[in-house]
Protein backbone atom coordinates (compact mmCIF):
# COMPACT_ATOMS: atom_id res chain seq x y z
CA MET A 1 15.22 -2.98 -57.84
CA LYS A 2 11.70 -4.09 -58.69
CA GLY A 3 11.65 -5.75 -55.06
CA ILE A 4 12.70 -2.53 -53.34
CA SER A 5 10.04 -0.70 -55.19
CA ILE A 6 7.66 -3.20 -53.76
CA ILE A 7 8.69 -2.94 -50.30
CA LEU A 8 8.66 0.76 -50.37
CA LEU A 9 5.26 0.86 -51.82
CA ILE A 10 4.08 -1.54 -48.83
CA PHE A 11 5.54 0.96 -46.25
CA GLY A 12 4.24 3.85 -47.95
CA LEU A 13 0.74 2.41 -48.03
CA ILE A 14 0.91 1.34 -44.09
CA GLY A 15 2.28 4.89 -43.36
CA PHE A 16 -0.38 6.42 -45.32
CA GLY A 17 -3.26 4.17 -43.69
CA CYS A 18 -1.93 4.92 -40.15
CA SER A 19 -1.98 8.75 -40.60
CA SER A 20 -3.99 10.57 -37.77
CA LYS A 21 -5.35 13.31 -39.89
CA LYS A 22 -8.84 14.39 -38.49
CA VAL A 23 -11.87 14.38 -40.76
CA ALA A 24 -14.10 17.59 -40.64
CA LEU A 25 -17.59 16.99 -39.43
CA ALA A 26 -20.75 18.47 -40.83
CA PRO A 27 -22.24 21.30 -38.51
CA GLU A 28 -25.08 19.13 -37.10
CA ALA A 29 -22.56 16.13 -36.60
CA ALA A 30 -20.19 18.53 -34.88
CA GLY A 31 -22.67 19.63 -32.42
CA LYS A 32 -23.52 15.98 -31.36
CA GLN A 33 -19.74 15.27 -31.02
CA ASP A 34 -19.52 18.28 -28.69
CA SER A 35 -22.16 17.01 -26.30
CA VAL A 36 -20.74 13.49 -26.48
CA SER A 37 -17.32 14.52 -25.34
CA GLN A 38 -18.63 16.74 -22.55
CA ALA A 39 -20.18 13.47 -21.10
CA GLN A 40 -16.86 11.69 -21.39
CA PRO A 41 -13.73 12.14 -19.18
CA LYS A 42 -11.62 15.15 -20.05
CA SER A 43 -8.16 13.58 -20.15
CA ASP A 44 -6.54 10.18 -20.46
CA GLU A 45 -5.24 10.54 -16.88
CA THR A 46 -8.72 10.71 -15.60
CA LYS A 47 -9.83 7.73 -17.54
CA LYS A 48 -6.62 5.68 -16.51
CA ALA A 49 -7.51 6.68 -12.83
CA GLY A 50 -10.91 5.40 -13.15
CA GLU A 51 -9.64 2.11 -14.66
CA GLY A 52 -6.90 1.65 -12.07
CA SER A 53 -9.71 1.91 -9.29
CA THR A 54 -12.04 -0.51 -11.09
CA LYS A 55 -9.31 -3.14 -11.37
CA THR A 56 -8.52 -2.78 -7.64
CA GLU A 57 -11.95 -3.09 -6.81
CA GLN A 58 -12.49 -6.05 -8.87
CA LYS A 59 -9.25 -7.68 -7.40
CA ASP A 60 -10.77 -7.08 -3.90
CA ALA A 61 -14.09 -8.40 -4.86
CA LEU A 62 -12.69 -11.69 -6.22
CA SER A 63 -10.22 -12.27 -3.09
CA LYS A 64 -13.18 -12.04 -0.67
CA PRO A 65 -15.09 -15.21 0.37
CA GLU A 66 -18.65 -15.58 -1.34
CA ILE A 67 -20.36 -15.10 2.04
CA GLU A 68 -19.15 -11.79 2.33
CA SER A 69 -21.98 -10.36 0.17
CA ARG A 70 -23.35 -7.65 2.24
CA GLU A 71 -22.91 -6.95 5.97
CA LEU A 72 -26.22 -6.09 7.56
CA PRO A 73 -26.79 -3.26 10.07
CA LEU A 74 -26.28 -5.00 13.26
CA ARG A 75 -28.24 -2.52 15.37
CA SER A 76 -31.29 -2.61 13.21
CA LYS A 77 -32.04 -6.18 14.56
CA ARG A 78 -30.39 -5.94 17.96
CA MET A 79 -27.68 -8.06 16.91
CA PRO A 80 -24.71 -7.07 19.29
CA GLU A 81 -25.91 -8.80 22.23
CA ILE A 82 -26.88 -12.00 20.22
CA LEU A 83 -23.54 -12.17 18.24
CA THR A 84 -21.16 -12.21 21.19
CA ASP A 85 -17.94 -13.57 20.65
CA ILE A 86 -17.33 -16.88 22.52
CA TYR A 87 -14.02 -17.93 24.05
CA PHE A 88 -11.99 -21.16 24.32
CA GLU A 89 -9.53 -22.69 26.86
CA PHE A 90 -5.68 -22.72 25.87
CA ASP A 91 -5.36 -25.44 23.04
CA ARG A 92 -8.86 -26.52 23.31
CA TYR A 93 -11.82 -26.40 20.79
CA ASP A 94 -14.66 -27.77 22.91
CA ILE A 95 -17.54 -25.46 23.66
CA MET A 96 -17.51 -24.08 27.26
CA GLU A 97 -20.90 -24.12 29.30
CA ASP A 98 -20.86 -20.34 29.41
CA ALA A 99 -20.77 -20.20 25.50
CA LYS A 100 -23.88 -22.30 24.98
CA PRO A 101 -26.56 -19.57 25.74
CA ILE A 102 -24.95 -17.42 23.36
CA LEU A 103 -24.84 -20.10 20.69
CA LYS A 104 -28.74 -20.93 21.29
CA SER A 105 -29.53 -17.35 20.87
CA VAL A 106 -27.62 -17.14 17.60
CA ALA A 107 -29.27 -20.45 16.54
CA GLY A 108 -32.84 -19.03 17.35
CA HIS A 109 -32.25 -15.84 15.59
CA LEU A 110 -31.05 -17.66 12.30
CA ILE A 111 -34.17 -20.03 12.42
CA LYS A 112 -36.42 -16.84 12.68
CA ASN A 113 -34.61 -14.76 10.10
CA ALA A 114 -34.10 -17.10 7.00
CA GLU A 115 -32.51 -14.27 4.93
CA TYR A 116 -29.45 -14.45 7.24
CA LYS A 117 -26.25 -16.35 6.77
CA ILE A 118 -23.36 -16.26 9.28
CA LEU A 119 -19.56 -16.54 8.90
CA ILE A 120 -18.05 -18.36 11.81
CA GLU A 121 -14.37 -17.15 12.22
CA GLY A 122 -12.02 -19.26 14.34
CA HIS A 123 -9.21 -17.49 16.15
CA CYS A 124 -6.21 -18.34 18.24
CA ASP A 125 -3.58 -16.75 20.56
CA GLU A 126 -0.14 -16.10 19.14
CA ARG A 127 1.48 -19.27 20.95
CA GLY A 128 2.12 -22.09 18.54
CA THR A 129 3.06 -22.24 14.86
CA ASN A 130 1.01 -20.64 12.27
CA GLU A 131 0.08 -23.96 10.88
CA TYR A 132 -1.14 -25.42 14.14
CA ASN A 133 -3.12 -22.20 15.01
CA LEU A 134 -4.72 -22.27 11.63
CA ALA A 135 -5.83 -25.84 12.20
CA LEU A 136 -6.93 -25.00 15.83
CA GLY A 137 -9.01 -22.16 14.56
CA GLU A 138 -10.69 -24.43 11.98
CA ARG A 139 -11.48 -27.01 14.72
CA ARG A 140 -12.85 -24.13 16.81
CA SER A 141 -15.19 -22.77 13.98
CA GLN A 142 -16.26 -26.28 12.93
CA SER A 143 -17.21 -27.12 16.75
CA VAL A 144 -19.35 -24.04 16.88
CA LYS A 145 -21.01 -25.01 13.36
CA LYS A 146 -21.76 -28.43 14.66
CA TYR A 147 -23.38 -27.27 17.77
CA ILE A 148 -25.54 -24.69 15.91
CA LEU A 149 -26.49 -27.54 13.45
CA SER A 150 -27.63 -29.72 16.53
CA LEU A 151 -29.95 -26.76 17.23
CA GLY A 152 -31.75 -26.87 14.15
CA VAL A 153 -29.92 -24.53 11.63
CA VAL A 154 -29.15 -26.01 8.24
CA SER A 155 -25.50 -26.15 7.23
CA SER A 156 -25.98 -24.17 4.00
CA ARG A 157 -26.73 -20.92 6.36
CA MET A 158 -23.13 -21.26 7.91
CA GLU A 159 -19.51 -20.98 6.40
CA VAL A 160 -16.47 -21.36 8.56
CA ILE A 161 -13.05 -19.89 8.24
CA SER A 162 -9.99 -19.91 10.36
CA TYR A 163 -7.63 -16.81 10.96
CA GLY A 164 -5.33 -18.59 13.29
CA GLU A 165 -3.45 -15.86 14.97
CA GLU A 166 -3.61 -13.49 12.14
CA LYS A 167 -6.37 -11.14 13.57
CA PRO A 168 -5.72 -10.69 17.40
CA VAL A 169 -7.96 -8.29 19.30
CA CYS A 170 -5.23 -7.86 21.83
CA ALA A 171 -1.47 -7.67 21.37
CA GLU A 172 -0.11 -7.73 24.85
CA LYS A 173 1.95 -10.90 25.86
CA THR A 174 -0.37 -11.63 28.93
CA GLU A 175 -2.69 -14.50 30.03
CA ASP A 176 -5.73 -12.21 29.86
CA CYS A 177 -4.72 -10.85 26.31
CA TRP A 178 -4.22 -14.36 25.17
CA GLN A 179 -7.74 -15.40 26.39
CA LYS A 180 -9.36 -12.50 24.38
CA ASN A 181 -7.74 -13.82 21.22
CA ARG A 182 -8.75 -17.49 21.73
CA ARG A 183 -12.23 -17.02 20.36
CA VAL A 184 -14.85 -17.47 17.73
CA HIS A 185 -16.28 -14.46 16.15
CA PHE A 186 -19.64 -14.08 14.00
CA VAL A 187 -20.36 -11.98 10.97
CA VAL A 188 -23.88 -11.82 9.78
CA ASN A 189 -24.52 -11.63 5.83
CA THR A 190 -27.52 -12.05 3.65
CA HIS A 191 -28.12 -15.04 1.45
CA LYS A 192 -26.96 -14.98 -2.14
CA ASN A 193 -29.63 -16.31 -4.36
């Protein structure tokens, strides 16, 4: 009997301690509380919506490579003509002669503008396996990086990534379309200090 009394006493204390009775505030404290509550979201739904978008934004930010710090406005520095995509022959990663002037222009621009960093994206057409195309895209982007390195740009200013066949610019099943997808694309970013 004594054990039951103790158990009931414990549950009673827990229940009493967890009650949600509001305590009345003094008049001057009540005025401060009203101004604070006006600054906060009005409902839990609004608060949850804000938390959901924050978690999504955090997830997106963590899934992006470090180089994607901040895209620069391309038109402000006349970048479109400098950062033209370069193209490759089928199943090849060597740089063609018509691409060399473009790469020299990119290197010159990077040398003159120390705050810029580039992401070199390697792409392929849809022919071949996913694994093979990812490897070929990597070889293409590495080939471009090596060429730009030979022109005097330091390695830390360039990052490479391969998308293989995952980001085509053309979806038709023609040779002209496949040629457009066999490319290296440049993305300009600022240095992270």
